[in-house]
Amino acid sequence: MLDQLLPYPVRSAVAFTDDPDEACYPGEEALVASAAPGRRREILTARRCAREALQALGRAPAPILRGPRREPIWPDGVVGSITHCAGFRAAVVAPAGDIASVGVDAEPHAPLPPRVLGTVTTPADRDLLARLAVTHPDVCWDRLLFSAKESIYKAWFPVTGRWLGFEDARLDIDPEAGTFTGHILIDGPLSRMSGRYLVDRGLILTAVVTHPAR
């Protein structure tokens, strides 16, 4: 599914179920030491997807640890992203020389809780959601916008090393093309970040790729 959203040479691996008996990969024990059983299985499966994607890239498997912002730490020369939600785990990787950063996110295709909407949208975002709800009512646009901003942040942070809040990006969404653009509202090296989305199998998937400066 993610392959439909990502360019070459990004590689992806996905899983729709967990192995309840899966052992922790050596070096990742601290990631799941205090996790509840369900959360443990999510983390282990998503990290397994990461290693499968690395192997598809021709790289050796390795433990994928977390940085200070809970971001995955990838082997040298690799960029990537991990996501998991109910019924779906995935990871994507790419050579750092070809891709500067990649961000992916998966969410259930269901409305956001009402209390969340105001915390993840700008006034312009809310105007956009109101228009899309009229013209394309079959999509949970609030959840898609949330997912797109998650993907934008995951691609922003490796390039900038800086936080990007939900209020720090305003979105445009093109439902005919299946694309979105985030207009970054704070100073930084990236003023616009574009991505693609897919709604399928009860899921919303979003992906953002940035390229090295030439």
Protein backbone atom coordinates (compact mmCIF):
# COMPACT_ATOMS: atom_id res chain seq x y z
CA MET A 1 0.00 0.00 0.00
CA LEU A 2 2.74 2.46 0.89
CA ASP A 3 4.54 1.67 -2.36
CA GLN A 4 1.73 3.55 -4.13
CA LEU A 5 2.71 6.72 -2.27
CA LEU A 6 6.50 6.61 -2.33
CA PRO A 7 9.09 7.13 -5.07
CA TYR A 8 12.06 4.95 -5.95
CA PRO A 9 14.38 4.15 -4.16
CA VAL A 10 12.25 4.13 -0.99
CA ARG A 11 11.56 0.59 0.26
CA SER A 12 8.67 -0.39 2.51
CA ALA A 13 7.44 -3.33 4.55
CA VAL A 14 4.02 -3.71 6.16
CA ALA A 15 2.21 -6.10 8.48
CA PHE A 16 -1.46 -6.42 9.38
CA THR A 17 -1.06 -8.79 12.32
CA ASP A 18 1.39 -9.40 15.15
CA ASP A 19 3.10 -12.61 16.19
CA PRO A 20 2.15 -12.97 19.88
CA ASP A 21 5.22 -15.14 20.47
CA GLU A 22 7.73 -12.91 18.70
CA ALA A 23 10.95 -12.44 20.65
CA CYS A 24 12.51 -9.05 21.13
CA TYR A 25 15.30 -8.34 18.66
CA PRO A 26 18.68 -8.08 20.41
CA GLY A 27 19.41 -4.50 21.41
CA GLU A 28 15.77 -3.37 21.47
CA GLU A 29 14.89 -4.67 24.94
CA ALA A 30 14.70 -1.17 26.45
CA LEU A 31 12.03 -0.15 23.92
CA VAL A 32 9.52 -2.63 25.33
CA ALA A 33 10.72 -3.09 28.90
CA SER A 34 7.73 -1.26 30.41
CA ALA A 35 5.25 -1.63 27.55
CA ALA A 36 1.88 -3.32 27.99
CA PRO A 37 1.51 -6.57 25.99
CA GLY A 38 -0.43 -5.02 23.12
CA ARG A 39 1.95 -2.09 22.82
CA ARG A 40 4.91 -4.47 22.99
CA ARG A 41 3.58 -6.45 20.03
CA GLU A 42 3.04 -3.24 18.01
CA ILE A 43 6.61 -2.10 18.61
CA LEU A 44 8.16 -5.48 17.85
CA THR A 45 6.19 -5.90 14.62
CA ALA A 46 6.94 -2.36 13.42
CA ARG A 47 10.67 -2.85 14.12
CA ARG A 48 10.56 -6.16 12.27
CA CYS A 49 9.05 -4.30 9.30
CA ALA A 50 11.94 -1.85 9.54
CA ARG A 51 14.47 -4.67 9.23
CA GLU A 52 12.58 -6.19 6.32
CA ALA A 53 12.69 -2.82 4.57
CA LEU A 54 16.41 -2.50 5.31
CA GLN A 55 17.02 -5.92 3.77
CA ALA A 56 15.02 -4.88 0.68
CA LEU A 57 17.42 -1.93 0.46
CA GLY A 58 20.37 -4.31 0.62
CA ARG A 59 21.31 -3.38 4.18
CA ALA A 60 21.95 -5.68 7.11
CA PRO A 61 19.29 -5.91 9.83
CA ALA A 62 19.98 -3.88 12.96
CA PRO A 63 18.23 -2.78 16.14
CA ILE A 64 16.21 0.40 15.61
CA LEU A 65 16.43 2.48 18.77
CA ARG A 66 14.82 5.82 19.70
CA GLY A 67 16.26 9.32 19.83
CA PRO A 68 15.36 12.13 22.24
CA ARG A 69 12.14 12.96 20.38
CA ARG A 70 11.20 9.27 20.14
CA GLU A 71 12.34 9.28 16.53
CA PRO A 72 13.80 6.04 15.11
CA ILE A 73 17.59 5.95 14.91
CA TRP A 74 18.58 4.43 11.56
CA PRO A 75 21.88 2.89 10.49
CA ASP A 76 24.39 5.27 8.92
CA GLY A 77 23.49 6.16 5.38
CA VAL A 78 19.79 5.37 5.80
CA VAL A 79 16.71 7.53 6.39
CA GLY A 80 13.34 6.11 7.28
CA SER A 81 10.08 6.25 9.14
CA ILE A 82 7.90 3.90 11.20
CA THR A 83 4.17 3.92 11.87
CA HIS A 84 1.63 1.68 13.55
CA CYS A 85 -2.06 1.87 14.34
CA ALA A 86 -4.79 -0.69 15.01
CA GLY A 87 -4.39 -3.49 12.45
CA PHE A 88 -1.43 -1.99 10.60
CA ARG A 89 2.35 -1.70 11.13
CA ALA A 90 4.82 -0.36 8.57
CA ALA A 91 8.29 1.01 8.00
CA VAL A 92 9.98 2.70 5.06
CA VAL A 93 13.68 3.31 4.39
CA ALA A 94 15.78 4.94 1.69
CA PRO A 95 19.45 5.72 0.95
CA ALA A 96 20.39 9.01 2.58
CA GLY A 97 22.22 10.15 -0.55
CA ASP A 98 19.04 9.96 -2.64
CA ILE A 99 16.39 10.97 -0.10
CA ALA A 100 16.88 13.58 2.64
CA SER A 101 14.00 12.38 4.79
CA VAL A 102 10.77 10.42 4.64
CA GLY A 103 7.74 10.45 6.90
CA VAL A 104 4.81 8.04 6.88
CA ASP A 105 1.75 7.75 9.08
CA ALA A 106 -1.20 5.35 9.30
CA GLU A 107 -4.50 6.07 11.02
CA PRO A 108 -7.89 4.36 11.19
CA HIS A 109 -10.35 5.84 8.72
CA ALA A 110 -12.57 7.31 11.42
CA PRO A 111 -13.31 10.85 12.66
CA LEU A 112 -11.00 12.46 15.18
CA PRO A 113 -12.39 12.81 18.69
CA PRO A 114 -14.04 16.27 18.82
CA ARG A 115 -11.73 17.51 21.58
CA VAL A 116 -8.67 16.80 19.42
CA LEU A 117 -9.68 18.74 16.32
CA GLY A 118 -9.07 22.20 17.73
CA THR A 119 -5.60 21.29 18.95
CA VAL A 120 -4.31 20.03 15.58
CA THR A 121 -5.81 22.56 13.17
CA THR A 122 -5.36 26.21 12.26
CA PRO A 123 -8.43 28.35 11.40
CA ALA A 124 -7.55 27.91 7.71
CA ASP A 125 -7.41 24.13 8.21
CA ARG A 126 -10.89 24.15 9.70
CA ASP A 127 -12.21 26.13 6.72
CA LEU A 128 -10.63 23.56 4.41
CA LEU A 129 -12.20 20.67 6.32
CA ALA A 130 -15.62 22.29 6.12
CA ARG A 131 -15.33 22.63 2.33
CA LEU A 132 -14.10 19.08 1.84
CA ALA A 133 -16.89 17.70 4.02
CA VAL A 134 -19.37 19.15 1.53
CA THR A 135 -17.62 18.25 -1.71
CA HIS A 136 -16.19 14.83 -0.69
CA PRO A 137 -18.19 13.60 2.31
CA ASP A 138 -16.99 9.99 2.08
CA VAL A 139 -13.56 10.75 3.61
CA CYS A 140 -12.76 11.54 7.25
CA TRP A 141 -10.79 14.63 6.33
CA ASP A 142 -10.05 15.62 9.91
CA ARG A 143 -8.21 12.35 10.51
CA LEU A 144 -6.47 12.62 7.14
CA LEU A 145 -5.27 16.12 8.00
CA PHE A 146 -3.98 14.84 11.35
CA SER A 147 -2.12 12.02 9.59
CA ALA A 148 -0.65 14.35 6.98
CA LYS A 149 0.73 16.63 9.70
CA GLU A 150 2.24 13.61 11.45
CA SER A 151 4.01 12.61 8.21
CA ILE A 152 5.18 16.18 7.68
CA TYR A 153 6.71 16.29 11.15
CA LYS A 154 8.43 12.94 10.67
CA ALA A 155 10.05 14.26 7.48
CA TRP A 156 10.76 17.72 8.97
CA PHE A 157 12.62 16.67 12.11
CA PRO A 158 15.50 14.70 10.52
CA VAL A 159 16.27 17.68 8.24
CA THR A 160 15.93 20.45 10.82
CA GLY A 161 16.39 18.81 14.24
CA ARG A 162 13.55 21.05 15.41
CA TRP A 163 10.05 20.54 16.78
CA LEU A 164 7.10 21.30 14.50
CA GLY A 165 3.74 21.61 16.23
CA PHE A 166 0.37 20.92 14.64
CA GLU A 167 -0.29 24.66 14.71
CA ASP A 168 2.98 25.31 12.83
CA ALA A 169 1.72 23.98 9.49
CA ARG A 170 -1.33 24.86 7.42
CA LEU A 171 -2.55 22.27 4.92
CA ASP A 172 -3.96 22.28 1.44
CA ILE A 173 -5.48 18.98 0.25
CA ASP A 174 -6.24 18.07 -3.36
CA PRO A 175 -8.82 15.24 -3.27
CA GLU A 176 -8.68 14.71 -7.01
CA ALA A 177 -4.92 14.14 -7.08
CA GLY A 178 -4.64 12.44 -3.68
CA THR A 179 -2.00 14.95 -2.58
CA PHE A 180 -1.49 17.51 0.16
CA THR A 181 0.84 20.42 0.82
CA GLY A 182 1.92 21.66 4.21
CA HIS A 183 2.73 25.38 4.42
CA ILE A 184 5.21 25.74 7.26
CA LEU A 185 4.39 28.73 9.47
CA ILE A 186 7.70 28.96 11.34
CA ASP A 187 11.16 29.85 10.10
CA GLY A 188 13.25 26.99 8.81
CA PRO A 189 14.88 25.49 5.73
CA LEU A 190 11.58 24.04 4.48
CA SER A 191 8.68 26.39 3.79
CA ARG A 192 6.51 23.85 1.96
CA MET A 193 6.33 20.08 2.23
CA SER A 194 4.21 17.99 -0.11
CA GLY A 195 2.92 14.46 0.19
CA ARG A 196 0.44 11.88 -0.99
CA TYR A 197 -2.34 9.98 0.71
CA LEU A 198 -4.38 6.83 0.28
CA VAL A 199 -7.66 5.74 1.89
CA ASP A 200 -8.06 1.97 1.65
CA ARG A 201 -8.98 -1.06 3.76
CA GLY A 202 -10.30 1.10 6.58
CA LEU A 203 -7.01 3.00 6.84
CA ILE A 204 -5.64 6.42 6.02
CA LEU A 205 -2.01 6.38 4.87
CA THR A 206 0.05 9.51 4.27
CA ALA A 207 3.64 9.93 3.10
CA VAL A 208 6.07 12.83 2.69
CA VAL A 209 9.51 12.71 1.05
CA THR A 210 12.15 15.45 0.96
CA HIS A 211 15.19 15.47 -1.30
CA PRO A 212 18.77 16.57 -0.67
CA ALA A 213 19.72 20.07 -1.76
CA ARG A 214 21.56 19.96 -5.06
